[in-house]
Amino acid sequence: VPRHYQLEIYPHLDDGTFDGTAVIQIEVQEPCQSIVLNSVHLTFHEAT
């Protein structure tokens, strides 16, 4: 469950793209090995 989002978004209007960083404070409710997120039109370069 997400508790707090800190987002940095850098739009590049000329080429219709953007990039950024999301720092999300979460609460793991049950032991798991993956986290599912909404991701329309997104590519993740790095996740830690």
ModelCIF file with pLDDT and N, C-alpha, C, O atoms, coordinates in Angstrom:
data_MODEL
#
_entry.id   MODEL 
#
_entity.id                         1 
_entity.type                       polymer 
_entity.pdbx_number_of_molecules   1 
#
_entity_poly.entity_id                      1 
_entity_poly.type                           'polypeptide(L)' 
_entity_poly.nstd_linkage                   no 
_entity_poly.nstd_monomer                   no 
_entity_poly.pdbx_seq_one_letter_code       VPRHYQLEIYPHLDDGTFDGTAVIQIEVQEPCQSIVLNSVHLTFHEAT 
_entity_poly.pdbx_seq_one_letter_code_can   VPRHYQLEIYPHLDDGTFDGTAVIQIEVQEPCQSIVLNSVHLTFHEAT 
_entity_poly.pdbx_strand_id                 A 
#
loop_
_entity_poly_seq.entity_id 
_entity_poly_seq.num 
_entity_poly_seq.mon_id 
_entity_poly_seq.hetero 
1 1  VAL n 
1 2  PRO n 
1 3  ARG n 
1 4  HIS n 
1 5  TYR n 
1 6  GLN n 
1 7  LEU n 
1 8  GLU n 
1 9  ILE n 
1 10 TYR n 
1 11 PRO n 
1 12 HIS n 
1 13 LEU n 
1 14 ASP n 
1 15 ASP n 
1 16 GLY n 
1 17 THR n 
1 18 PHE n 
1 19 ASP n 
1 20 GLY n 
1 21 THR n 
1 22 ALA n 
1 23 VAL n 
1 24 ILE n 
1 25 GLN n 
1 26 ILE n 
1 27 GLU n 
1 28 VAL n 
1 29 GLN n 
1 30 GLU n 
1 31 PRO n 
1 32 CYS n 
1 33 GLN n 
1 34 SER n 
1 35 ILE n 
1 36 VAL n 
1 37 LEU n 
1 38 ASN n 
1 39 SER n 
1 40 VAL n 
1 41 HIS n 
1 42 LEU n 
1 43 THR n 
1 44 PHE n 
1 45 HIS n 
1 46 GLU n 
1 47 ALA n 
1 48 THR n 
#
_struct_asym.id          A 
_struct_asym.entity_id   1 
#
loop_
_ma_qa_metric.id 
_ma_qa_metric.mode 
_ma_qa_metric.name 
_ma_qa_metric.software_group_id 
_ma_qa_metric.type 
1 global pLDDT . pLDDT 
2 local  pLDDT . pLDDT 
#
_ma_qa_metric_global.metric_id      1 
_ma_qa_metric_global.metric_value   95.42 
_ma_qa_metric_global.model_id       1 
_ma_qa_metric_global.ordinal_id     1 
#
loop_
_ma_qa_metric_local.label_asym_id 
_ma_qa_metric_local.label_comp_id 
_ma_qa_metric_local.label_seq_id 
_ma_qa_metric_local.metric_id 
_ma_qa_metric_local.metric_value 
_ma_qa_metric_local.model_id 
_ma_qa_metric_local.ordinal_id 
A VAL 1  2 97.00 1 1  
A PRO 2  2 97.00 1 2  
A ARG 3  2 97.00 1 3  
A HIS 4  2 98.00 1 4  
A TYR 5  2 97.00 1 5  
A GLN 6  2 98.00 1 6  
A LEU 7  2 96.00 1 7  
A GLU 8  2 97.00 1 8  
A ILE 9  2 96.00 1 9  
A TYR 10 2 96.00 1 10 
A PRO 11 2 94.00 1 11 
A HIS 12 2 94.00 1 12 
A LEU 13 2 91.00 1 13 
A ASP 14 2 88.00 1 14 
A ASP 15 2 91.00 1 15 
A GLY 16 2 91.00 1 16 
A THR 17 2 94.00 1 17 
A PHE 18 2 96.00 1 18 
A ASP 19 2 97.00 1 19 
A GLY 20 2 97.00 1 20 
A THR 21 2 98.00 1 21 
A ALA 22 2 97.00 1 22 
A VAL 23 2 98.00 1 23 
A ILE 24 2 98.00 1 24 
A GLN 25 2 98.00 1 25 
A ILE 26 2 98.00 1 26 
A GLU 27 2 98.00 1 27 
A VAL 28 2 98.00 1 28 
A GLN 29 2 98.00 1 29 
A GLU 30 2 97.00 1 30 
A PRO 31 2 97.00 1 31 
A CYS 32 2 97.00 1 32 
A GLN 33 2 97.00 1 33 
A SER 34 2 97.00 1 34 
A ILE 35 2 97.00 1 35 
A VAL 36 2 96.00 1 36 
A LEU 37 2 95.00 1 37 
A ASN 38 2 92.00 1 38 
A SER 39 2 91.00 1 39 
A VAL 40 2 86.00 1 40 
A HIS 41 2 85.00 1 41 
A LEU 42 2 92.00 1 42 
A THR 43 2 94.00 1 43 
A PHE 44 2 96.00 1 44 
A HIS 45 2 96.00 1 45 
A GLU 46 2 97.00 1 46 
A ALA 47 2 97.00 1 47 
A THR 48 2 98.00 1 48 
#
loop_
_atom_site.group_PDB 
_atom_site.id 
_atom_site.type_symbol 
_atom_site.label_atom_id 
_atom_site.label_alt_id 
_atom_site.label_comp_id 
_atom_site.label_asym_id 
_atom_site.label_entity_id 
_atom_site.label_seq_id 
_atom_site.pdbx_PDB_ins_code 
_atom_site.Cartn_x 
_atom_site.Cartn_y 
_atom_site.Cartn_z 
_atom_site.occupancy 
_atom_site.B_iso_or_equiv 
_atom_site.pdbx_formal_charge 
_atom_site.auth_seq_id 
_atom_site.auth_comp_id 
_atom_site.auth_asym_id 
_atom_site.auth_atom_id 
_atom_site.pdbx_PDB_model_num 
ATOM 1   N N  . VAL A 1 1  ? 0.850  -1.193  0.000   1.00 97.00 ? 1  VAL A N  1 
ATOM 2   C CA . VAL A 1 1  ? 0.000  0.000   0.000   1.00 97.00 ? 1  VAL A CA 1 
ATOM 3   C C  . VAL A 1 1  ? 0.890  1.248   0.000   1.00 97.00 ? 1  VAL A C  1 
ATOM 4   O O  . VAL A 1 1  ? 1.762  1.381   0.859   1.00 97.00 ? 1  VAL A O  1 
ATOM 5   N N  . PRO A 1 2  ? 0.678  2.163   -0.955  1.00 97.00 ? 2  PRO A N  1 
ATOM 6   C CA . PRO A 1 2  ? 1.463  3.402   -0.945  1.00 97.00 ? 2  PRO A CA 1 
ATOM 7   C C  . PRO A 1 2  ? 0.995  4.311   0.188   1.00 97.00 ? 2  PRO A C  1 
ATOM 8   O O  . PRO A 1 2  ? -0.197 4.389   0.486   1.00 97.00 ? 2  PRO A O  1 
ATOM 9   N N  . ARG A 1 3  ? 1.956  5.000   0.817   1.00 97.00 ? 3  ARG A N  1 
ATOM 10  C CA . ARG A 1 3  ? 1.635  5.929   1.897   1.00 97.00 ? 3  ARG A CA 1 
ATOM 11  C C  . ARG A 1 3  ? 1.950  7.374   1.518   1.00 97.00 ? 3  ARG A C  1 
ATOM 12  O O  . ARG A 1 3  ? 1.266  8.294   1.965   1.00 97.00 ? 3  ARG A O  1 
ATOM 13  N N  . HIS A 1 4  ? 2.982  7.579   0.695   1.00 98.00 ? 4  HIS A N  1 
ATOM 14  C CA . HIS A 1 4  ? 3.374  8.932   0.307   1.00 98.00 ? 4  HIS A CA 1 
ATOM 15  C C  . HIS A 1 4  ? 4.180  8.870   -0.984  1.00 98.00 ? 4  HIS A C  1 
ATOM 16  O O  . HIS A 1 4  ? 5.047  8.012   -1.147  1.00 98.00 ? 4  HIS A O  1 
ATOM 17  N N  . TYR A 1 5  ? 3.880  9.796   -1.905  1.00 97.00 ? 5  TYR A N  1 
ATOM 18  C CA . TYR A 1 5  ? 4.599  9.881   -3.179  1.00 97.00 ? 5  TYR A CA 1 
ATOM 19  C C  . TYR A 1 5  ? 5.396  11.178  -3.231  1.00 97.00 ? 5  TYR A C  1 
ATOM 20  O O  . TYR A 1 5  ? 4.892  12.240  -2.868  1.00 97.00 ? 5  TYR A O  1 
ATOM 21  N N  . GLN A 1 6  ? 6.626  11.086  -3.679  1.00 98.00 ? 6  GLN A N  1 
ATOM 22  C CA . GLN A 1 6  ? 7.425  12.267  -4.015  1.00 98.00 ? 6  GLN A CA 1 
ATOM 23  C C  . GLN A 1 6  ? 7.823  12.087  -5.481  1.00 98.00 ? 6  GLN A C  1 
ATOM 24  O O  . GLN A 1 6  ? 8.601  11.195  -5.817  1.00 98.00 ? 6  GLN A O  1 
ATOM 25  N N  . LEU A 1 7  ? 7.278  12.946  -6.349  1.00 96.00 ? 7  LEU A N  1 
ATOM 26  C CA . LEU A 1 7  ? 7.474  12.789  -7.788  1.00 96.00 ? 7  LEU A CA 1 
ATOM 27  C C  . LEU A 1 7  ? 8.279  13.937  -8.373  1.00 96.00 ? 7  LEU A C  1 
ATOM 28  O O  . LEU A 1 7  ? 8.072  15.098  -8.023  1.00 96.00 ? 7  LEU A O  1 
ATOM 29  N N  . GLU A 1 8  ? 9.186  13.605  -9.255  1.00 97.00 ? 8  GLU A N  1 
ATOM 30  C CA . GLU A 1 8  ? 9.872  14.580  -10.093 1.00 97.00 ? 8  GLU A CA 1 
ATOM 31  C C  . GLU A 1 8  ? 9.540  14.202  -11.524 1.00 97.00 ? 8  GLU A C  1 
ATOM 32  O O  . GLU A 1 8  ? 9.770  13.068  -11.943 1.00 97.00 ? 8  GLU A O  1 
ATOM 33  N N  . ILE A 1 9  ? 8.999  15.151  -12.273 1.00 96.00 ? 9  ILE A N  1 
ATOM 34  C CA . ILE A 1 9  ? 8.611  14.899  -13.663 1.00 96.00 ? 9  ILE A CA 1 
ATOM 35  C C  . ILE A 1 9  ? 9.206  15.991  -14.528 1.00 96.00 ? 9  ILE A C  1 
ATOM 36  O O  . ILE A 1 9  ? 9.023  17.180  -14.263 1.00 96.00 ? 9  ILE A O  1 
ATOM 37  N N  . TYR A 1 10 ? 9.923  15.577  -15.567 1.00 96.00 ? 10 TYR A N  1 
ATOM 38  C CA . TYR A 1 10 ? 10.567 16.513  -16.483 1.00 96.00 ? 10 TYR A CA 1 
ATOM 39  C C  . TYR A 1 10 ? 9.992  16.308  -17.878 1.00 96.00 ? 10 TYR A C  1 
ATOM 40  O O  . TYR A 1 10 ? 10.422 15.402  -18.593 1.00 96.00 ? 10 TYR A O  1 
ATOM 41  N N  . PRO A 1 11 ? 9.021  17.139  -18.281 1.00 94.00 ? 11 PRO A N  1 
ATOM 42  C CA . PRO A 1 11 ? 8.435  16.990  -19.617 1.00 94.00 ? 11 PRO A CA 1 
ATOM 43  C C  . PRO A 1 11 ? 9.361  17.539  -20.699 1.00 94.00 ? 11 PRO A C  1 
ATOM 44  O O  . PRO A 1 11 ? 10.040 18.548  -20.505 1.00 94.00 ? 11 PRO A O  1 
ATOM 45  N N  . HIS A 1 12 ? 9.373  16.863  -21.827 1.00 94.00 ? 12 HIS A N  1 
ATOM 46  C CA . HIS A 1 12 ? 10.099 17.294  -23.024 1.00 94.00 ? 12 HIS A CA 1 
ATOM 47  C C  . HIS A 1 12 ? 9.031  17.481  -24.115 1.00 94.00 ? 12 HIS A C  1 
ATOM 48  O O  . HIS A 1 12 ? 8.772  16.584  -24.917 1.00 94.00 ? 12 HIS A O  1 
ATOM 49  N N  . LEU A 1 13 ? 8.425  18.669  -24.118 1.00 91.00 ? 13 LEU A N  1 
ATOM 50  C CA . LEU A 1 13 ? 7.266  18.906  -24.981 1.00 91.00 ? 13 LEU A CA 1 
ATOM 51  C C  . LEU A 1 13 ? 7.599  18.798  -26.457 1.00 91.00 ? 13 LEU A C  1 
ATOM 52  O O  . LEU A 1 13 ? 6.751  18.390  -27.250 1.00 91.00 ? 13 LEU A O  1 
ATOM 53  N N  . ASP A 1 14 ? 8.823  19.155  -26.844 1.00 88.00 ? 14 ASP A N  1 
ATOM 54  C CA . ASP A 1 14 ? 9.179  19.118  -28.264 1.00 88.00 ? 14 ASP A CA 1 
ATOM 55  C C  . ASP A 1 14 ? 9.099  17.718  -28.853 1.00 88.00 ? 14 ASP A C  1 
ATOM 56  O O  . ASP A 1 14 ? 8.663  17.549  -29.992 1.00 88.00 ? 14 ASP A O  1 
ATOM 57  N N  . ASP A 1 15 ? 9.516  16.710  -28.088 1.00 91.00 ? 15 ASP A N  1 
ATOM 58  C CA . ASP A 1 15 ? 9.461  15.353  -28.642 1.00 91.00 ? 15 ASP A CA 1 
ATOM 59  C C  . ASP A 1 15 ? 8.371  14.487  -28.012 1.00 91.00 ? 15 ASP A C  1 
ATOM 60  O O  . ASP A 1 15 ? 8.288  13.293  -28.300 1.00 91.00 ? 15 ASP A O  1 
ATOM 61  N N  . GLY A 1 16 ? 7.535  15.079  -27.153 1.00 91.00 ? 16 GLY A N  1 
ATOM 62  C CA . GLY A 1 16 ? 6.398  14.350  -26.601 1.00 91.00 ? 16 GLY A CA 1 
ATOM 63  C C  . GLY A 1 16 ? 6.763  13.268  -25.605 1.00 91.00 ? 16 GLY A C  1 
ATOM 64  O O  . GLY A 1 16 ? 6.083  12.245  -25.523 1.00 91.00 ? 16 GLY A O  1 
ATOM 65  N N  . THR A 1 17 ? 7.840  13.483  -24.841 1.00 94.00 ? 17 THR A N  1 
ATOM 66  C CA . THR A 1 17 ? 8.252  12.506  -23.849 1.00 94.00 ? 17 THR A CA 1 
ATOM 67  C C  . THR A 1 17 ? 8.439  13.184  -22.491 1.00 94.00 ? 17 THR A C  1 
ATOM 68  O O  . THR A 1 17 ? 8.354  14.407  -22.378 1.00 94.00 ? 17 THR A O  1 
ATOM 69  N N  . PHE A 1 18 ? 8.692  12.384  -21.483 1.00 96.00 ? 18 PHE A N  1 
ATOM 70  C CA . PHE A 1 18 ? 9.044  12.904  -20.158 1.00 96.00 ? 18 PHE A CA 1 
ATOM 71  C C  . PHE A 1 18 ? 9.871  11.857  -19.446 1.00 96.00 ? 18 PHE A C  1 
ATOM 72  O O  . PHE A 1 18 ? 9.865  10.683  -19.817 1.00 96.00 ? 18 PHE A O  1 
ATOM 73  N N  . ASP A 1 19 ? 10.581 12.289  -18.423 1.00 97.00 ? 19 ASP A N  1 
ATOM 74  C CA . ASP A 1 19 ? 11.284 11.349  -17.556 1.00 97.00 ? 19 ASP A CA 1 
ATOM 75  C C  . ASP A 1 19 ? 11.205 11.882  -16.135 1.00 97.00 ? 19 ASP A C  1 
ATOM 76  O O  . ASP A 1 19 ? 10.807 13.024  -15.904 1.00 97.00 ? 19 ASP A O  1 
ATOM 77  N N  . GLY A 1 20 ? 11.587 11.044  -15.196 1.00 97.00 ? 20 GLY A N  1 
ATOM 78  C CA . GLY A 1 20 ? 11.518 11.480  -13.816 1.00 97.00 ? 20 GLY A CA 1 
ATOM 79  C C  . GLY A 1 20 ? 11.876 10.397  -12.837 1.00 97.00 ? 20 GLY A C  1 
ATOM 80  O O  . GLY A 1 20 ? 12.362 9.324   -13.195 1.00 97.00 ? 20 GLY A O  1 
ATOM 81  N N  . THR A 1 21 ? 11.618 10.715  -11.585 1.00 98.00 ? 21 THR A N  1 
ATOM 82  C CA . THR A 1 21 ? 11.885 9.814   -10.466 1.00 98.00 ? 21 THR A CA 1 
ATOM 83  C C  . THR A 1 21 ? 10.685 9.845   -9.529  1.00 98.00 ? 21 THR A C  1 
ATOM 84  O O  . THR A 1 21 ? 10.112 10.902  -9.266  1.00 98.00 ? 21 THR A O  1 
ATOM 85  N N  . ALA A 1 22 ? 10.320 8.686   -9.038  1.00 97.00 ? 22 ALA A N  1 
ATOM 86  C CA . ALA A 1 22 ? 9.282  8.558   -8.017  1.00 97.00 ? 22 ALA A CA 1 
ATOM 87  C C  . ALA A 1 22 ? 9.902  7.918   -6.786  1.00 97.00 ? 22 ALA A C  1 
ATOM 88  O O  . ALA A 1 22 ? 10.530 6.863   -6.880  1.00 97.00 ? 22 ALA A O  1 
ATOM 89  N N  . VAL A 1 23 ? 9.728  8.546   -5.642  1.00 98.00 ? 23 VAL A N  1 
ATOM 90  C CA . VAL A 1 23 ? 10.126 7.961   -4.360  1.00 98.00 ? 23 VAL A CA 1 
ATOM 91  C C  . VAL A 1 23 ? 8.816  7.723   -3.609  1.00 98.00 ? 23 VAL A C  1 
ATOM 92  O O  . VAL A 1 23 ? 8.106  8.667   -3.262  1.00 98.00 ? 23 VAL A O  1 
ATOM 93  N N  . ILE A 1 24 ? 8.510  6.456   -3.366  1.00 98.00 ? 24 ILE A N  1 
ATOM 94  C CA . ILE A 1 24 ? 7.213  6.088   -2.807  1.00 98.00 ? 24 ILE A CA 1 
ATOM 95  C C  . ILE A 1 24 ? 7.424  5.396   -1.462  1.00 98.00 ? 24 ILE A C  1 
ATOM 96  O O  . ILE A 1 24 ? 8.065  4.347   -1.387  1.00 98.00 ? 24 ILE A O  1 
ATOM 97  N N  . GLN A 1 25 ? 6.886  5.984   -0.420  1.00 98.00 ? 25 GLN A N  1 
ATOM 98  C CA . GLN A 1 25 ? 6.890  5.321   0.880   1.00 98.00 ? 25 GLN A CA 1 
ATOM 99  C C  . GLN A 1 25 ? 5.733  4.331   0.865   1.00 98.00 ? 25 GLN A C  1 
ATOM 100 O O  . GLN A 1 25 ? 4.583  4.702   0.631   1.00 98.00 ? 25 GLN A O  1 
ATOM 101 N N  . ILE A 1 26 ? 6.056  3.072   1.116   1.00 98.00 ? 26 ILE A N  1 
ATOM 102 C CA . ILE A 1 26 ? 5.044  2.017   1.043   1.00 98.00 ? 26 ILE A CA 1 
ATOM 103 C C  . ILE A 1 26 ? 4.971  1.269   2.365   1.00 98.00 ? 26 ILE A C  1 
ATOM 104 O O  . ILE A 1 26 ? 5.858  1.370   3.213   1.00 98.00 ? 26 ILE A O  1 
ATOM 105 N N  . GLU A 1 27 ? 3.903  0.524   2.512   1.00 98.00 ? 27 GLU A N  1 
ATOM 106 C CA . GLU A 1 27 ? 3.725  -0.386  3.643   1.00 98.00 ? 27 GLU A CA 1 
ATOM 107 C C  . GLU A 1 27 ? 3.457  -1.765  3.034   1.00 98.00 ? 27 GLU A C  1 
ATOM 108 O O  . GLU A 1 27 ? 2.452  -1.965  2.352   1.00 98.00 ? 27 GLU A O  1 
ATOM 109 N N  . VAL A 1 28 ? 4.360  -2.707  3.284   1.00 98.00 ? 28 VAL A N  1 
ATOM 110 C CA . VAL A 1 28 ? 4.171  -4.074  2.803   1.00 98.00 ? 28 VAL A CA 1 
ATOM 111 C C  . VAL A 1 28 ? 3.226  -4.766  3.785   1.00 98.00 ? 28 VAL A C  1 
ATOM 112 O O  . VAL A 1 28 ? 3.570  -4.961  4.951   1.00 98.00 ? 28 VAL A O  1 
ATOM 113 N N  . GLN A 1 29 ? 2.043  -5.132  3.312   1.00 98.00 ? 29 GLN A N  1 
ATOM 114 C CA . GLN A 1 29 ? 1.006  -5.721  4.159   1.00 98.00 ? 29 GLN A CA 1 
ATOM 115 C C  . GLN A 1 29 ? 1.181  -7.225  4.333   1.00 98.00 ? 29 GLN A C  1 
ATOM 116 O O  . GLN A 1 29 ? 0.848  -7.787  5.376   1.00 98.00 ? 29 GLN A O  1 
ATOM 117 N N  . GLU A 1 30 ? 1.721  -7.878  3.274   1.00 97.00 ? 30 GLU A N  1 
ATOM 118 C CA . GLU A 1 30 ? 1.940  -9.324  3.285   1.00 97.00 ? 30 GLU A CA 1 
ATOM 119 C C  . GLU A 1 30 ? 3.285  -9.591  2.637   1.00 97.00 ? 30 GLU A C  1 
ATOM 120 O O  . GLU A 1 30 ? 3.646  -8.896  1.687   1.00 97.00 ? 30 GLU A O  1 
ATOM 121 N N  . PRO A 1 31 ? 4.042  -10.576 3.113   1.00 97.00 ? 31 PRO A N  1 
ATOM 122 C CA . PRO A 1 31 ? 5.308  -10.891 2.447   1.00 97.00 ? 31 PRO A CA 1 
ATOM 123 C C  . PRO A 1 31 ? 5.063  -11.174 0.958   1.00 97.00 ? 31 PRO A C  1 
ATOM 124 O O  . PRO A 1 31 ? 4.110  -11.867 0.600   1.00 97.00 ? 31 PRO A O  1 
ATOM 125 N N  . CYS A 1 32 ? 5.926  -10.635 0.105   1.00 97.00 ? 32 CYS A N  1 
ATOM 126 C CA . CYS A 1 32 ? 5.774  -10.804 -1.335  1.00 97.00 ? 32 CYS A CA 1 
ATOM 127 C C  . CYS A 1 32 ? 7.127  -10.605 -2.008  1.00 97.00 ? 32 CYS A C  1 
ATOM 128 O O  . CYS A 1 32 ? 8.077  -10.137 -1.379  1.00 97.00 ? 32 CYS A O  1 
ATOM 129 N N  . GLN A 1 33 ? 7.212  -10.961 -3.288  1.00 97.00 ? 33 GLN A N  1 
ATOM 130 C CA . GLN A 1 33 ? 8.447  -10.770 -4.040  1.00 97.00 ? 33 GLN A CA 1 
ATOM 131 C C  . GLN A 1 33 ? 8.272  -9.807  -5.199  1.00 97.00 ? 33 GLN A C  1 
ATOM 132 O O  . GLN A 1 33 ? 9.213  -9.580  -5.960  1.00 97.00 ? 33 GLN A O  1 
ATOM 133 N N  . SER A 1 34 ? 7.083  -9.235  -5.346  1.00 97.00 ? 34 SER A N  1 
ATOM 134 C CA . SER A 1 34 ? 6.882  -8.260  -6.420  1.00 97.00 ? 34 SER A CA 1 
ATOM 135 C C  . SER A 1 34 ? 5.880  -7.205  -5.986  1.00 97.00 ? 34 SER A C  1 
ATOM 136 O O  . SER A 1 34 ? 5.056  -7.417  -5.096  1.00 97.00 ? 34 SER A O  1 
ATOM 137 N N  . ILE A 1 35 ? 5.984  -6.058  -6.651  1.00 97.00 ? 35 ILE A N  1 
ATOM 138 C CA . ILE A 1 35 ? 5.087  -4.932  -6.410  1.00 97.00 ? 35 ILE A CA 1 
ATOM 139 C C  . ILE A 1 35 ? 4.460  -4.569  -7.739  1.00 97.00 ? 35 ILE A C  1 
ATOM 140 O O  . ILE A 1 35 ? 5.169  -4.338  -8.718  1.00 97.00 ? 35 ILE A O  1 
ATOM 141 N N  . VAL A 1 36 ? 3.134  -4.515  -7.785  1.00 96.00 ? 36 VAL A N  1 
ATOM 142 C CA . VAL A 1 36 ? 2.406  -4.186  -9.009  1.00 96.00 ? 36 VAL A CA 1 
ATOM 143 C C  . VAL A 1 36 ? 2.006  -2.716  -8.964  1.00 96.00 ? 36 VAL A C  1 
ATOM 144 O O  . VAL A 1 36 ? 1.482  -2.231  -7.961  1.00 96.00 ? 36 VAL A O  1 
ATOM 145 N N  . LEU A 1 37 ? 2.264  -2.008  -10.080 1.00 95.00 ? 37 LEU A N  1 
ATOM 146 C CA . LEU A 1 37 ? 1.970  -0.575  -10.191 1.00 95.00 ? 37 LEU A CA 1 
ATOM 147 C C  . LEU A 1 37 ? 1.207  -0.294  -11.479 1.00 95.00 ? 37 LEU A C  1 
ATOM 148 O O  . LEU A 1 37 ? 1.312  -1.047  -12.447 1.00 95.00 ? 37 LEU A O  1 
ATOM 149 N N  . ASN A 1 38 ? 0.444  0.784   -11.488 1.00 92.00 ? 38 ASN A N  1 
ATOM 150 C CA . ASN A 1 38 ? -0.126 1.266   -12.741 1.00 92.00 ? 38 ASN A CA 1 
ATOM 151 C C  . ASN A 1 38 ? 1.009  1.861   -13.571 1.00 92.00 ? 38 ASN A C  1 
ATOM 152 O O  . ASN A 1 38 ? 1.904  2.504   -13.023 1.00 92.00 ? 38 ASN A O  1 
ATOM 153 N N  . SER A 1 39 ? 0.978  1.653   -14.880 1.00 91.00 ? 39 SER A N  1 
ATOM 154 C CA . SER A 1 39 ? 2.126  2.083   -15.688 1.00 91.00 ? 39 SER A CA 1 
ATOM 155 C C  . SER A 1 39 ? 1.759  2.432   -17.127 1.00 91.00 ? 39 SER A C  1 
ATOM 156 O O  . SER A 1 39 ? 2.495  2.086   -18.050 1.00 91.00 ? 39 SER A O  1 
ATOM 157 N N  . VAL A 1 40 ? 0.652  3.100   -17.327 1.00 86.00 ? 40 VAL A N  1 
ATOM 158 C CA . VAL A 1 40 ? 0.276  3.457   -18.690 1.00 86.00 ? 40 VAL A CA 1 
ATOM 159 C C  . VAL A 1 40 ? 1.325  4.402   -19.285 1.00 86.00 ? 40 VAL A C  1 
ATOM 160 O O  . VAL A 1 40 ? 1.660  5.423   -18.686 1.00 86.00 ? 40 VAL A O  1 
ATOM 161 N N  . HIS A 1 41 ? 1.831  4.056   -20.450 1.00 85.00 ? 41 HIS A N  1 
ATOM 162 C CA . HIS A 1 41 ? 2.822  4.846   -21.199 1.00 85.00 ? 41 HIS A CA 1 
ATOM 163 C C  . HIS A 1 41 ? 4.144  5.033   -20.457 1.00 85.00 ? 41 HIS A C  1 
ATOM 164 O O  . HIS A 1 41 ? 4.855  6.001   -20.728 1.00 85.00 ? 41 HIS A O  1 
ATOM 165 N N  . LEU A 1 42 ? 4.501  4.134   -19.524 1.00 92.00 ? 42 LEU A N  1 
ATOM 166 C CA . LEU A 1 42 ? 5.732  4.282   -18.752 1.00 92.00 ? 42 LEU A CA 1 
ATOM 167 C C  . LEU A 1 42 ? 6.712  3.153   -19.033 1.00 92.00 ? 42 LEU A C  1 
ATOM 168 O O  . LEU A 1 42 ? 6.318  2.023   -19.321 1.00 92.00 ? 42 LEU A O  1 
ATOM 169 N N  . THR A 1 43 ? 7.992  3.482   -18.944 1.00 94.00 ? 43 THR A N  1 
ATOM 170 C CA . THR A 1 43 ? 9.082  2.506   -18.963 1.00 94.00 ? 43 THR A CA 1 
ATOM 171 C C  . THR A 1 43 ? 9.925  2.760   -17.724 1.00 94.00 ? 43 THR A C  1 
ATOM 172 O O  . THR A 1 43 ? 10.346 3.891   -17.479 1.00 94.00 ? 43 THR A O  1 
ATOM 173 N N  . PHE A 1 44 ? 10.170 1.728   -16.950 1.00 96.00 ? 44 PHE A N  1 
ATOM 174 C CA . PHE A 1 44 ? 10.982 1.856   -15.743 1.00 96.00 ? 44 PHE A CA 1 
ATOM 175 C C  . PHE A 1 44 ? 12.434 1.553   -16.092 1.00 96.00 ? 44 PHE A C  1 
ATOM 176 O O  . PHE A 1 44 ? 12.740 0.478   -16.607 1.00 96.00 ? 44 PHE A O  1 
ATOM 177 N N  . HIS A 1 45 ? 13.333 2.503   -15.810 1.00 96.00 ? 45 HIS A N  1 
ATOM 178 C CA . HIS A 1 45 ? 14.756 2.309   -16.078 1.00 96.00 ? 45 HIS A CA 1 
ATOM 179 C C  . HIS A 1 45 ? 15.461 1.664   -14.897 1.00 96.00 ? 45 HIS A C  1 
ATOM 180 O O  . HIS A 1 45 ? 16.390 0.877   -15.079 1.00 96.00 ? 45 HIS A O  1 
ATOM 181 N N  . GLU A 1 46 ? 15.031 1.987   -13.708 1.00 97.00 ? 46 GLU A N  1 
ATOM 182 C CA . GLU A 1 46 ? 15.667 1.464   -12.504 1.00 97.00 ? 46 GLU A CA 1 
ATOM 183 C C  . GLU A 1 46 ? 14.647 1.466   -11.384 1.00 97.00 ? 46 GLU A C  1 
ATOM 184 O O  . GLU A 1 46 ? 13.894 2.426   -11.222 1.00 97.00 ? 46 GLU A O  1 
ATOM 185 N N  . ALA A 1 47 ? 14.622 0.391   -10.612 1.00 97.00 ? 47 ALA A N  1 
ATOM 186 C CA . ALA A 1 47 ? 13.734 0.316   -9.451  1.00 97.00 ? 47 ALA A CA 1 
ATOM 187 C C  . ALA A 1 47 ? 14.523 -0.276  -8.290  1.00 97.00 ? 47 ALA A C  1 
ATOM 188 O O  . ALA A 1 47 ? 15.111 -1.350  -8.415  1.00 97.00 ? 47 ALA A O  1 
ATOM 189 N N  . THR A 1 48 ? 14.534 0.420   -7.172  1.00 98.00 ? 48 THR A N  1 
ATOM 190 C CA . THR A 1 48 ? 15.214 -0.066  -5.975  1.00 98.00 ? 48 THR A CA 1 
ATOM 191 C C  . THR A 1 48 ? 14.277 0.035   -4.792  1.00 98.00 ? 48 THR A C  1 
ATOM 192 O O  . THR A 1 48 ? 14.651 -0.324  -3.676  1.00 98.00 ? 48 THR A O  1 
#
